[in-house]
PDB file of N, CA and C in Angstrom:
ATOM      1  N   MET A   1      37.096 -45.764 -19.290  1.00  0.00           N
ATOM      2  CA  MET A   1      35.960 -46.620 -19.600  1.00  0.00           C
ATOM      3  C   MET A   1      36.110 -47.981 -18.908  1.00  0.00           C
ATOM      4  N   ILE A   2      34.995 -48.493 -18.479  1.00  0.00           N
ATOM      5  CA  ILE A   2      34.953 -49.811 -17.852  1.00  0.00           C
ATOM      6  C   ILE A   2      34.412 -50.791 -18.890  1.00  0.00           C
ATOM      7  N   LEU A   3      35.214 -51.805 -19.223  1.00  0.00           N
ATOM      8  CA  LEU A   3      34.748 -52.833 -20.148  1.00  0.00           C
ATOM      9  C   LEU A   3      33.930 -53.829 -19.345  1.00  0.00           C
ATOM     10  N   THR A   4      32.673 -54.020 -19.745  1.00  0.00           N
ATOM     11  CA  THR A   4      31.739 -54.838 -18.980  1.00  0.00           C
ATOM     12  C   THR A   4      31.108 -55.886 -19.879  1.00  0.00           C
ATOM     13  N   PHE A   5      31.279 -57.159 -19.512  1.00  0.00           N
ATOM     14  CA  PHE A   5      30.618 -58.242 -20.245  1.00  0.00           C
ATOM     15  C   PHE A   5      29.206 -58.368 -19.693  1.00  0.00           C
ATOM     16  N   ILE A   6      28.245 -58.236 -20.586  1.00  0.00           N
ATOM     17  CA  ILE A   6      26.844 -58.317 -20.189  1.00  0.00           C
ATOM     18  C   ILE A   6      26.314 -59.690 -20.586  1.00  0.00           C
ATOM     19  N   ASP A   7      25.806 -60.423 -19.610  1.00  0.00           N
ATOM     20  CA  ASP A   7      25.225 -61.724 -19.923  1.00  0.00           C
ATOM     21  C   ASP A   7      23.716 -61.590 -20.126  1.00  0.00           C
ATOM     22  N   SER A   8      23.111 -62.682 -20.497  1.00  0.00           N
ATOM     23  CA  SER A   8      21.686 -62.660 -20.837  1.00  0.00           C
ATOM     24  C   SER A   8      20.807 -62.274 -19.652  1.00  0.00           C
ATOM     25  N   GLY A   9      21.211 -62.612 -18.444  1.00  0.00           N
ATOM     26  CA  GLY A   9      20.398 -62.292 -17.269  1.00  0.00           C
ATOM     27  C   GLY A   9      20.207 -60.795 -17.088  1.00  0.00           C
ATOM     28  N   VAL A  10      21.266 -60.023 -17.335  1.00  0.00           N
ATOM     29  CA  VAL A  10      21.165 -58.566 -17.217  1.00  0.00           C
ATOM     30  C   VAL A  10      20.210 -58.027 -18.271  1.00  0.00           C
ATOM     31  N   LEU A  11      20.345 -58.522 -19.494  1.00  0.00           N
ATOM     32  CA  LEU A  11      19.485 -58.042 -20.587  1.00  0.00           C
ATOM     33  C   LEU A  11      18.030 -58.463 -20.376  1.00  0.00           C
ATOM     34  N   LEU A  12      17.817 -59.682 -19.927  1.00  0.00           N
ATOM     35  CA  LEU A  12      16.448 -60.131 -19.628  1.00  0.00           C
ATOM     36  C   LEU A  12      15.823 -59.271 -18.537  1.00  0.00           C
ATOM     37  N   SER A  13      16.595 -58.989 -17.497  1.00  0.00           N
ATOM     38  CA  SER A  13      16.086 -58.156 -16.404  1.00  0.00           C
ATOM     39  C   SER A  13      15.752 -56.751 -16.890  1.00  0.00           C
ATOM     40  N   ALA A  14      16.611 -56.194 -17.731  1.00  0.00           N
ATOM     41  CA  ALA A  14      16.369 -54.845 -18.241  1.00  0.00           C
ATOM     42  C   ALA A  14      15.143 -54.811 -19.149  1.00  0.00           C
ATOM     43  N   ALA A  15      14.968 -55.848 -19.949  1.00  0.00           N
ATOM     44  CA  ALA A  15      13.861 -55.876 -20.917  1.00  0.00           C
ATOM     45  C   ALA A  15      12.529 -56.267 -20.278  1.00  0.00           C
ATOM     46  N   ASN A  16      12.560 -57.193 -19.341  1.00  0.00           N
ATOM     47  CA  ASN A  16      11.316 -57.771 -18.812  1.00  0.00           C
ATOM     48  C   ASN A  16      11.138 -57.639 -17.304  1.00  0.00           C
ATOM     49  N   GLY A  17      12.185 -57.253 -16.622  1.00  0.00           N
ATOM     50  CA  GLY A  17      12.144 -57.262 -15.172  1.00  0.00           C
ATOM     51  C   GLY A  17      11.313 -56.146 -14.588  1.00  0.00           C
ATOM     52  N   GLU A  18      11.152 -56.258 -13.302  1.00  0.00           N
ATOM     53  CA  GLU A  18      10.409 -55.245 -12.553  1.00  0.00           C
ATOM     54  C   GLU A  18      11.195 -54.916 -11.301  1.00  0.00           C
ATOM     55  N   GLY A  19      10.965 -53.745 -10.786  1.00  0.00           N
ATOM     56  CA  GLY A  19      11.524 -53.367  -9.500  1.00  0.00           C
ATOM     57  C   GLY A  19      13.009 -53.110  -9.524  1.00  0.00           C
ATOM     58  N   GLU A  20      13.613 -53.412  -8.386  1.00  0.00           N
ATOM     59  CA  GLU A  20      15.011 -53.071  -8.139  1.00  0.00           C
ATOM     60  C   GLU A  20      15.980 -53.744  -9.111  1.00  0.00           C
ATOM     61  N   ILE A  21      15.722 -55.001  -9.457  1.00  0.00           N
ATOM     62  CA  ILE A  21      16.627 -55.721 -10.359  1.00  0.00           C
ATOM     63  C   ILE A  21      16.616 -55.079 -11.744  1.00  0.00           C
ATOM     64  N   ALA A  22      15.433 -54.771 -12.259  1.00  0.00           N
ATOM     65  CA  ALA A  22      15.333 -54.126 -13.570  1.00  0.00           C
ATOM     66  C   ALA A  22      15.998 -52.758 -13.542  1.00  0.00           C
ATOM     67  N   GLU A  23      15.792 -52.023 -12.467  1.00  0.00           N
ATOM     68  CA  GLU A  23      16.400 -50.696 -12.341  1.00  0.00           C
ATOM     69  C   GLU A  23      17.921 -50.786 -12.351  1.00  0.00           C
ATOM     70  N   LYS A  24      18.472 -51.742 -11.615  1.00  0.00           N
ATOM     71  CA  LYS A  24      19.929 -51.912 -11.563  1.00  0.00           C
ATOM     72  C   LYS A  24      20.463 -52.323 -12.936  1.00  0.00           C
ATOM     73  N   ALA A  25      19.772 -53.230 -13.617  1.00  0.00           N
ATOM     74  CA  ALA A  25      20.206 -53.659 -14.950  1.00  0.00           C
ATOM     75  C   ALA A  25      20.216 -52.469 -15.916  1.00  0.00           C
ATOM     76  N   LEU A  26      19.159 -51.673 -15.894  1.00  0.00           N
ATOM     77  CA  LEU A  26      19.089 -50.501 -16.762  1.00  0.00           C
ATOM     78  C   LEU A  26      20.163 -49.474 -16.396  1.00  0.00           C
ATOM     79  N   GLU A  27      20.427 -49.333 -15.109  1.00  0.00           N
ATOM     80  CA  GLU A  27      21.469 -48.409 -14.657  1.00  0.00           C
ATOM     81  C   GLU A  27      22.828 -48.798 -15.245  1.00  0.00           C
ATOM     82  N   ILE A  28      23.122 -50.082 -15.240  1.00  0.00           N
ATOM     83  CA  ILE A  28      24.381 -50.574 -15.807  1.00  0.00           C
ATOM     84  C   ILE A  28      24.414 -50.320 -17.312  1.00  0.00           C
ATOM     85  N   LEU A  29      23.332 -50.644 -17.996  1.00  0.00           N
ATOM     86  CA  LEU A  29      23.289 -50.491 -19.453  1.00  0.00           C
ATOM     87  C   LEU A  29      23.336 -49.033 -19.895  1.00  0.00           C
ATOM     88  N   GLU A  30      22.866 -48.135 -19.046  1.00  0.00           N
ATOM     89  CA  GLU A  30      22.841 -46.713 -19.393  1.00  0.00           C
ATOM     90  C   GLU A  30      24.069 -45.954 -18.888  1.00  0.00           C
ATOM     91  N   ASP A  31      24.998 -46.642 -18.256  1.00  0.00           N
ATOM     92  CA  ASP A  31      26.194 -46.017 -17.691  1.00  0.00           C
ATOM     93  C   ASP A  31      27.133 -45.580 -18.819  1.00  0.00           C
ATOM     94  N   SER A  32      27.332 -44.285 -18.971  1.00  0.00           N
ATOM     95  CA  SER A  32      28.162 -43.758 -20.058  1.00  0.00           C
ATOM     96  C   SER A  32      29.656 -44.013 -19.833  1.00  0.00           C
ATOM     97  N   ASN A  33      30.022 -44.514 -18.652  1.00  0.00           N
ATOM     98  CA  ASN A  33      31.420 -44.854 -18.378  1.00  0.00           C
ATOM     99  C   ASN A  33      31.751 -46.302 -18.722  1.00  0.00           C
ATOM    100  N   ARG A  34      30.818 -46.966 -19.374  1.00  0.00           N
ATOM    101  CA  ARG A  34      31.039 -48.378 -19.708  1.00  0.00           C
ATOM    102  C   ARG A  34      31.072 -48.597 -21.214  1.00  0.00           C
ATOM    103  N   GLU A  35      31.921 -49.555 -21.594  1.00  0.00           N
ATOM    104  CA  GLU A  35      31.895 -50.138 -22.928  1.00  0.00           C
ATOM    105  C   GLU A  35      31.426 -51.566 -22.713  1.00  0.00           C
ATOM    106  N   PHE A  36      30.710 -52.096 -23.671  1.00  0.00           N
ATOM    107  CA  PHE A  36      30.141 -53.422 -23.462  1.00  0.00           C
ATOM    108  C   PHE A  36      30.790 -54.479 -24.328  1.00  0.00           C
ATOM    109  N   ALA A  37      30.893 -55.649 -23.733  1.00  0.00           N
ATOM    110  CA  ALA A  37      31.399 -56.835 -24.417  1.00  0.00           C
ATOM    111  C   ALA A  37      30.292 -57.874 -24.408  1.00  0.00           C
ATOM    112  N   SER A  38      30.288 -58.703 -25.431  1.00  0.00           N
ATOM    113  CA  SER A  38      29.309 -59.782 -25.482  1.00  0.00           C
ATOM    114  C   SER A  38      29.813 -60.866 -26.430  1.00  0.00           C
ATOM    115  N   SER A  39      28.969 -61.862 -26.647  1.00  0.00           N
ATOM    116  CA  SER A  39      29.333 -62.957 -27.551  1.00  0.00           C
ATOM    117  C   SER A  39      28.105 -63.396 -28.326  1.00  0.00           C
ATOM    118  N   GLU A  40      28.362 -64.132 -29.357  1.00  0.00           N
ATOM    119  CA  GLU A  40      27.266 -64.687 -30.155  1.00  0.00           C
ATOM    120  C   GLU A  40      26.414 -65.642 -29.323  1.00  0.00           C
ATOM    121  N   PHE A  41      27.012 -66.260 -28.306  1.00  0.00           N
ATOM    122  CA  PHE A  41      26.251 -67.156 -27.435  1.00  0.00           C
ATOM    123  C   PHE A  41      25.115 -66.402 -26.742  1.00  0.00           C
ATOM    124  N   VAL A  42      25.428 -65.208 -26.222  1.00  0.00           N
ATOM    125  CA  VAL A  42      24.415 -64.403 -25.531  1.00  0.00           C
ATOM    126  C   VAL A  42      23.344 -63.967 -26.525  1.00  0.00           C
ATOM    127  N   LYS A  43      23.785 -63.554 -27.692  1.00  0.00           N
ATOM    128  CA  LYS A  43      22.847 -63.119 -28.732  1.00  0.00           C
ATOM    129  C   LYS A  43      21.900 -64.260 -29.114  1.00  0.00           C
ATOM    130  N   LEU A  44      22.468 -65.453 -29.293  1.00  0.00           N
ATOM    131  CA  LEU A  44      21.645 -66.613 -29.654  1.00  0.00           C
ATOM    132  C   LEU A  44      20.701 -67.035 -28.529  1.00  0.00           C
ATOM    133  N   GLU A  45      21.073 -66.745 -27.325  1.00  0.00           N
ATOM    134  CA  GLU A  45      20.239 -67.089 -26.178  1.00  0.00           C
ATOM    135  C   GLU A  45      18.993 -66.206 -26.102  1.00  0.00           C
ATOM    136  N   LEU A  46      19.082 -64.982 -26.593  1.00  0.00           N
ATOM    137  CA  LEU A  46      18.007 -64.011 -26.400  1.00  0.00           C
ATOM    138  C   LEU A  46      17.140 -63.735 -27.634  1.00  0.00           C
ATOM    139  N   ILE A  47      17.755 -63.407 -28.732  1.00  0.00           N
ATOM    140  CA  ILE A  47      17.003 -62.889 -29.879  1.00  0.00           C
ATOM    141  C   ILE A  47      16.054 -63.918 -30.499  1.00  0.00           C
ATOM    142  N   PRO A  48      16.490 -65.146 -30.767  1.00  0.00           N
ATOM    143  CA  PRO A  48      15.548 -66.095 -31.385  1.00  0.00           C
ATOM    144  C   PRO A  48      14.285 -66.331 -30.558  1.00  0.00           C
ATOM    145  N   LYS A  49      14.420 -66.402 -29.252  1.00  0.00           N
ATOM    146  CA  LYS A  49      13.252 -66.638 -28.396  1.00  0.00           C
ATOM    147  C   LYS A  49      12.291 -65.458 -28.451  1.00  0.00           C
ATOM    148  N   ALA A  50      12.838 -64.239 -28.399  1.00  0.00           N
ATOM    149  CA  ALA A  50      11.982 -63.047 -28.476  1.00  0.00           C
ATOM    150  C   ALA A  50      11.251 -63.002 -29.826  1.00  0.00           C
ATOM    151  N   ILE A  51      11.957 -63.328 -30.896  1.00  0.00           N
ATOM    152  CA  ILE A  51      11.329 -63.327 -32.226  1.00  0.00           C
ATOM    153  C   ILE A  51      10.270 -64.418 -32.306  1.00  0.00           C
ATOM    154  N   TYR A  52      10.596 -65.617 -31.846  1.00  0.00           N
ATOM    155  CA  TYR A  52       9.651 -66.741 -31.883  1.00  0.00           C
ATOM    156  C   TYR A  52       8.366 -66.397 -31.127  1.00  0.00           C
ATOM    157  N   ASN A  53       8.517 -65.725 -29.985  1.00  0.00           N
ATOM    158  CA  ASN A  53       7.353 -65.370 -29.164  1.00  0.00           C
ATOM    159  C   ASN A  53       6.707 -64.046 -29.579  1.00  0.00           C
ATOM    160  N   LYS A  54       7.146 -63.532 -30.723  1.00  0.00           N
ATOM    161  CA  LYS A  54       6.588 -62.291 -31.289  1.00  0.00           C
ATOM    162  C   LYS A  54       6.714 -61.108 -30.318  1.00  0.00           C
ATOM    163  N   GLN A  55       7.798 -61.090 -29.582  1.00  0.00           N
ATOM    164  CA  GLN A  55       8.101 -59.992 -28.662  1.00  0.00           C
ATOM    165  C   GLN A  55       8.979 -58.979 -29.413  1.00  0.00           C
ATOM    166  N   THR A  56       8.348 -58.242 -30.310  1.00  0.00           N
ATOM    167  CA  THR A  56       9.058 -57.346 -31.215  1.00  0.00           C
ATOM    168  C   THR A  56       9.865 -56.285 -30.473  1.00  0.00           C
ATOM    169  N   GLU A  57       9.269 -55.645 -29.486  1.00  0.00           N
ATOM    170  CA  GLU A  57       9.977 -54.604 -28.733  1.00  0.00           C
ATOM    171  C   GLU A  57      11.166 -55.184 -27.968  1.00  0.00           C
ATOM    172  N   GLU A  58      10.982 -56.373 -27.413  1.00  0.00           N
ATOM    173  CA  GLU A  58      12.069 -57.020 -26.682  1.00  0.00           C
ATOM    174  C   GLU A  58      13.217 -57.352 -27.640  1.00  0.00           C
ATOM    175  N   ALA A  59      12.884 -57.919 -28.794  1.00  0.00           N
ATOM    176  CA  ALA A  59      13.912 -58.244 -29.784  1.00  0.00           C
ATOM    177  C   ALA A  59      14.643 -56.980 -30.236  1.00  0.00           C
ATOM    178  N   GLN A  60      13.910 -55.912 -30.422  1.00  0.00           N
ATOM    179  CA  GLN A  60      14.503 -54.640 -30.830  1.00  0.00           C
ATOM    180  C   GLN A  60      15.437 -54.095 -29.733  1.00  0.00           C
ATOM    181  N   PHE A  61      15.022 -54.231 -28.489  1.00  0.00           N
ATOM    182  CA  PHE A  61      15.855 -53.819 -27.354  1.00  0.00           C
ATOM    183  C   PHE A  61      17.194 -54.555 -27.396  1.00  0.00           C
ATOM    184  N   TYR A  62      17.132 -55.877 -27.609  1.00  0.00           N
ATOM    185  CA  TYR A  62      18.362 -56.670 -27.670  1.00  0.00           C
ATOM    186  C   TYR A  62      19.215 -56.243 -28.860  1.00  0.00           C
ATOM    187  N   GLU A  63      18.595 -56.046 -30.011  1.00  0.00           N
ATOM    188  CA  GLU A  63      19.331 -55.635 -31.208  1.00  0.00           C
ATOM    189  C   GLU A  63      20.039 -54.303 -30.974  1.00  0.00           C
ATOM    190  N   GLU A  64      19.362 -53.375 -30.318  1.00  0.00           N
ATOM    191  CA  GLU A  64      19.976 -52.073 -30.024  1.00  0.00           C
ATOM    192  C   GLU A  64      21.177 -52.239 -29.105  1.00  0.00           C
ATOM    193  N   PHE A  65      21.021 -53.103 -28.105  1.00  0.00           N
ATOM    194  CA  PHE A  65      22.162 -53.341 -27.216  1.00  0.00           C
ATOM    195  C   PHE A  65      23.319 -53.929 -28.005  1.00  0.00           C
ATOM    196  N   PHE A  66      23.062 -54.977 -28.774  1.00  0.00           N
ATOM    197  CA  PHE A  66      24.153 -55.649 -29.488  1.00  0.00           C
ATOM    198  C   PHE A  66      24.806 -54.732 -30.523  1.00  0.00           C
ATOM    199  N   SER A  67      24.060 -53.793 -31.071  1.00  0.00           N
ATOM    200  CA  SER A  67      24.660 -52.862 -32.024  1.00  0.00           C
ATOM    201  C   SER A  67      25.622 -51.900 -31.322  1.00  0.00           C
ATOM    202  N   ALA A  68      25.489 -51.734 -30.005  1.00  0.00           N
ATOM    203  CA  ALA A  68      26.366 -50.844 -29.241  1.00  0.00           C
ATOM    204  C   ALA A  68      27.561 -51.577 -28.620  1.00  0.00           C
ATOM    205  N   VAL A  69      27.602 -52.900 -28.742  1.00  0.00           N
ATOM    206  CA  VAL A  69      28.713 -53.677 -28.178  1.00  0.00           C
ATOM    207  C   VAL A  69      30.003 -53.295 -28.911  1.00  0.00           C
ATOM    208  N   THR A  70      31.052 -53.006 -28.145  1.00  0.00           N
ATOM    209  CA  THR A  70      32.322 -52.604 -28.751  1.00  0.00           C
ATOM    210  C   THR A  70      33.351 -53.734 -28.787  1.00  0.00           C
ATOM    211  N   TYR A  71      33.120 -54.769 -28.002  1.00  0.00           N
ATOM    212  CA  TYR A  71      34.051 -55.888 -27.978  1.00  0.00           C
ATOM    213  C   TYR A  71      33.269 -57.189 -28.100  1.00  0.00           C
ATOM    214  N   TRP A  72      33.598 -57.954 -29.131  1.00  0.00           N
ATOM    215  CA  TRP A  72      32.941 -59.241 -29.337  1.00  0.00           C
ATOM    216  C   TRP A  72      33.928 -60.353 -29.051  1.00  0.00           C
ATOM    217  N   ALA A  73      33.529 -61.293 -28.251  1.00  0.00           N
ATOM    218  CA  ALA A  73      34.337 -62.479 -27.985  1.00  0.00           C
ATOM    219  C   ALA A  73      34.210 -63.372 -29.216  1.00  0.00           C
ATOM    220  N   THR A  74      35.196 -63.266 -30.120  1.00  0.00           N
ATOM    221  CA  THR A  74      35.077 -63.966 -31.404  1.00  0.00           C
ATOM    222  C   THR A  74      35.885 -65.251 -31.471  1.00  0.00           C
ATOM    223  N   ASP A  75      36.936 -65.353 -30.694  1.00  0.00           N
ATOM    224  CA  ASP A  75      37.736 -66.567 -30.696  1.00  0.00           C
ATOM    225  C   ASP A  75      37.090 -67.552 -29.725  1.00  0.00           C
ATOM    226  N   LEU A  76      36.107 -68.288 -30.232  1.00  0.00           N
ATOM    227  CA  LEU A  76      35.296 -69.130 -29.347  1.00  0.00           C
ATOM    228  C   LEU A  76      36.112 -70.217 -28.652  1.00  0.00           C
ATOM    229  N   GLU A  77      37.107 -70.752 -29.335  1.00  0.00           N
ATOM    230  CA  GLU A  77      37.953 -71.756 -28.683  1.00  0.00           C
ATOM    231  C   GLU A  77      38.670 -71.147 -27.487  1.00  0.00           C
ATOM    232  N   LYS A  78      39.177 -69.927 -27.640  1.00  0.00           N
ATOM    233  CA  LYS A  78      39.850 -69.247 -26.537  1.00  0.00           C
ATOM    234  C   LYS A  78      38.866 -68.920 -25.416  1.00  0.00           C
ATOM    235  N   VAL A  79      37.667 -68.484 -25.777  1.00  0.00           N
ATOM    236  CA  VAL A  79      36.653 -68.175 -24.765  1.00  0.00           C
ATOM    237  C   VAL A  79      36.368 -69.409 -23.911  1.00  0.00           C
ATOM    238  N   VAL A  80      36.172 -70.534 -24.557  1.00  0.00           N
ATOM    239  CA  VAL A  80      35.872 -71.777 -23.835  1.00  0.00           C
ATOM    240  C   VAL A  80      37.074 -72.206 -22.995  1.00  0.00           C
ATOM    241  N   LYS A  81      38.287 -72.145 -23.570  1.00  0.00           N
ATOM    242  CA  LYS A  81      39.493 -72.524 -22.824  1.00  0.00           C
ATOM    243  C   LYS A  81      39.668 -71.617 -21.607  1.00  0.00           C
ATOM    244  N   ASP A  82      39.514 -70.297 -21.797  1.00  0.00           N
ATOM    245  CA  ASP A  82      39.648 -69.361 -20.675  1.00  0.00           C
ATOM    246  C   ASP A  82      38.629 -69.656 -19.580  1.00  0.00           C
ATOM    247  N   ALA A  83      37.403 -69.996 -19.979  1.00  0.00           N
ATOM    248  CA  ALA A  83      36.370 -70.321 -18.995  1.00  0.00           C
ATOM    249  C   ALA A  83      36.768 -71.542 -18.181  1.00  0.00           C
ATOM    250  N   TYR A  84      37.266 -72.579 -18.858  1.00  0.00           N
ATOM    251  CA  TYR A  84      37.693 -73.775 -18.135  1.00  0.00           C
ATOM    252  C   TYR A  84      38.900 -73.483 -17.249  1.00  0.00           C
ATOM    253  N   ASP A  85      39.836 -72.648 -17.733  1.00  0.00           N
ATOM    254  CA  ASP A  85      41.000 -72.286 -16.930  1.00  0.00           C
ATOM    255  C   ASP A  85      40.572 -71.551 -15.665  1.00  0.00           C
ATOM    256  N   LYS A  86      39.639 -70.608 -15.806  1.00  0.00           N
ATOM    257  CA  LYS A  86      39.163 -69.857 -14.646  1.00  0.00           C
ATOM    258  C   LYS A  86      38.434 -70.779 -13.671  1.00  0.00           C
ATOM    259  N   LEU A  87      37.631 -71.689 -14.212  1.00  0.00           N
ATOM    260  CA  LEU A  87      36.930 -72.645 -13.365  1.00  0.00           C
ATOM    261  C   LEU A  87      37.926 -73.497 -12.591  1.00  0.00           C
ATOM    262  N   SER A  88      38.990 -73.909 -13.262  1.00  0.00           N
ATOM    263  CA  SER A  88      40.020 -74.711 -12.608  1.00  0.00           C
ATOM    264  C   SER A  88      40.684 -73.924 -11.485  1.00  0.00           C
ATOM    265  N   CYS A  89      40.975 -72.636 -11.711  1.00  0.00           N
ATOM    266  CA  CYS A  89      41.586 -71.788 -10.672  1.00  0.00           C
ATOM    267  C   CYS A  89      40.660 -71.652  -9.474  1.00  0.00           C
ATOM    268  N   ILE A  90      39.383 -71.443  -9.739  1.00  0.00           N
ATOM    269  CA  ILE A  90      38.404 -71.310  -8.663  1.00  0.00           C
ATOM    270  C   ILE A  90      38.325 -72.606  -7.860  1.00  0.00           C
ATOM    271  N   LYS A  91      38.274 -73.715  -8.580  1.00  0.00           N
ATOM    272  CA  LYS A  91      38.180 -75.013  -7.919  1.00  0.00           C
ATOM    273  C   LYS A  91      39.421 -75.261  -7.049  1.00  0.00           C
ATOM    274  N   ASN A  92      40.597 -74.929  -7.576  1.00  0.00           N
ATOM    275  CA  ASN A  92      41.834 -75.113  -6.796  1.00  0.00           C
ATOM    276  C   ASN A  92      41.831 -74.225  -5.561  1.00  0.00           C
ATOM    277  N   ALA A  93      41.390 -72.977  -5.698  1.00  0.00           N
ATOM    278  CA  ALA A  93      41.345 -72.060  -4.553  1.00  0.00           C
ATOM    279  C   ALA A  93      40.378 -72.576  -3.494  1.00  0.00           C
ATOM    280  N   GLN A  94      39.251 -73.112  -3.925  1.00  0.00           N
ATOM    281  CA  GLN A  94      38.284 -73.657  -2.971  1.00  0.00           C
ATOM    282  C   GLN A  94      38.872 -74.855  -2.238  1.00  0.00           C
ATOM    283  N   GLN A  95      39.577 -75.719  -2.970  1.00  0.00           N
ATOM    284  CA  GLN A  95      40.196 -76.881  -2.337  1.00  0.00           C
ATOM    285  C   GLN A  95      41.257 -76.462  -1.329  1.00  0.00           C
ATOM    286  N   GLN A  96      42.060 -75.440  -1.677  1.00  0.00           N
ATOM    287  CA  GLN A  96      43.081 -74.950  -0.754  1.00  0.00           C
ATOM    288  C   GLN A  96      42.425 -74.363   0.499  1.00  0.00           C
ATOM    289  N   GLY A  97      41.337 -73.646   0.324  1.00  0.00           N
ATOM    290  CA  GLY A  97      40.616 -73.075   1.466  1.00  0.00           C
ATOM    291  C   GLY A  97      40.099 -74.162   2.390  1.00  0.00           C
ATOM    292  N   ARG A  98      39.545 -75.225   1.803  1.00  0.00           N
ATOM    293  CA  ARG A  98      39.059 -76.343   2.621  1.00  0.00           C
ATOM    294  C   ARG A  98      40.201 -76.992   3.393  1.00  0.00           C
ATOM    295  N   ARG A  99      41.340 -77.195   2.721  1.00  0.00           N
ATOM    296  CA  ARG A  99      42.489 -77.806   3.394  1.00  0.00           C
ATOM    297  C   ARG A  99      42.955 -76.957   4.580  1.00  0.00           C
ATOM    298  N   LYS A 100      43.016 -75.633   4.372  1.00  0.00           N
ATOM    299  CA  LYS A 100      43.457 -74.744   5.451  1.00  0.00           C
ATOM    300  C   LYS A 100      42.489 -74.782   6.620  1.00  0.00           C
ATOM    301  N   ARG A 101      41.188 -74.815   6.331  1.00  0.00           N
ATOM    302  CA  ARG A 101      40.205 -74.894   7.421  1.00  0.00           C
ATOM    303  C   ARG A 101      40.349 -76.206   8.173  1.00  0.00           C
ATOM    304  N   GLU A 102      40.559 -77.307   7.444  1.00  0.00           N
ATOM    305  CA  GLU A 102      40.730 -78.607   8.096  1.00  0.00           C
ATOM    306  C   GLU A 102      41.994 -78.620   8.954  1.00  0.00           C
ATOM    307  N   GLU A 103      43.076 -78.039   8.427  1.00  0.00           N
ATOM    308  CA  GLU A 103      44.319 -77.969   9.197  1.00  0.00           C
ATOM    309  C   GLU A 103      44.111 -77.135  10.455  1.00  0.00           C
ATOM    310  N   GLY A 104      43.365 -76.034  10.329  1.00  0.00           N
ATOM    311  CA  GLY A 104      43.071 -75.190  11.491  1.00  0.00           C
ATOM    312  C   GLY A 104      42.289 -75.936  12.549  1.00  0.00           C
ATOM    313  N   ARG A 105      41.322 -76.731  12.117  1.00  0.00           N
ATOM    314  CA  ARG A 105      40.526 -77.529  13.059  1.00  0.00           C
ATOM    315  C   ARG A 105      41.385 -78.574  13.750  1.00  0.00           C
ATOM    316  N   ARG A 106      42.254 -79.225  12.968  1.00  0.00           N
ATOM    317  CA  ARG A 106      43.138 -80.248  13.547  1.00  0.00           C
ATOM    318  C   ARG A 106      44.098 -79.613  14.550  1.00  0.00           C
ATOM    319  N   HIS A 107      44.616 -78.438  14.190  1.00  0.00           N
ATOM    320  CA  HIS A 107      45.545 -77.740  15.076  1.00  0.00           C
ATOM    321  C   HIS A 107      44.852 -77.380  16.401  1.00  0.00           C
ATOM    322  N   LYS A 108      43.596 -76.913  16.321  1.00  0.00           N
ATOM    323  CA  LYS A 108      42.848 -76.570  17.537  1.00  0.00           C
ATOM    324  C   LYS A 108      42.635 -77.799  18.409  1.00  0.00           C
ATOM    325  N   SER A 109      42.323 -78.947  17.784  1.00  0.00           N
ATOM    326  CA  SER A 109      42.046 -80.128  18.589  1.00  0.00           C
ATOM    327  C   SER A 109      43.303 -80.665  19.239  1.00  0.00           C
ATOM    328  N   TYR A 110      44.476 -80.454  18.643  1.00  0.00           N
ATOM    329  CA  TYR A 110      45.742 -80.902  19.264  1.00  0.00           C
ATOM    330  C   TYR A 110      46.178 -79.971  20.369  1.00  0.00           C
ATOM    331  N   SER A 111      45.788 -78.706  20.294  1.00  0.00           N
ATOM    332  CA  SER A 111      46.248 -77.736  21.294  1.00  0.00           C
ATOM    333  C   SER A 111      45.425 -77.778  22.574  1.00  0.00           C
ATOM    334  N   HIS A 112      44.340 -78.518  22.598  1.00  0.00           N
ATOM    335  CA  HIS A 112      43.514 -78.575  23.830  1.00  0.00           C
ATOM    336  C   HIS A 112      43.943 -79.678  24.701  1.00  0.00           C
TER     337      HIS A 112
END
């Protein structure tokens, strides 16, 4: 099984989208080789708005998805810390990449 975190964009596309994006979102959600992960943040992002706008079928679609979620990100402090840690790693990798490109440019200009 593939554990897949589904964010609100995938669910919005599956519920309201059209064309290729909606098809791909539905393909992911219907994949029997996947288990789904989510968080209360995603749930809060989607369900209240659908209910407020009287989009009953859309709200029901979200509820059905969330009832099938097998992994809930419940330790919110850890979720936030992990997100910041990952962001920091990405930022450091980008900075290292920039430094290497600059060093490469400097090396080329000295070799001519």
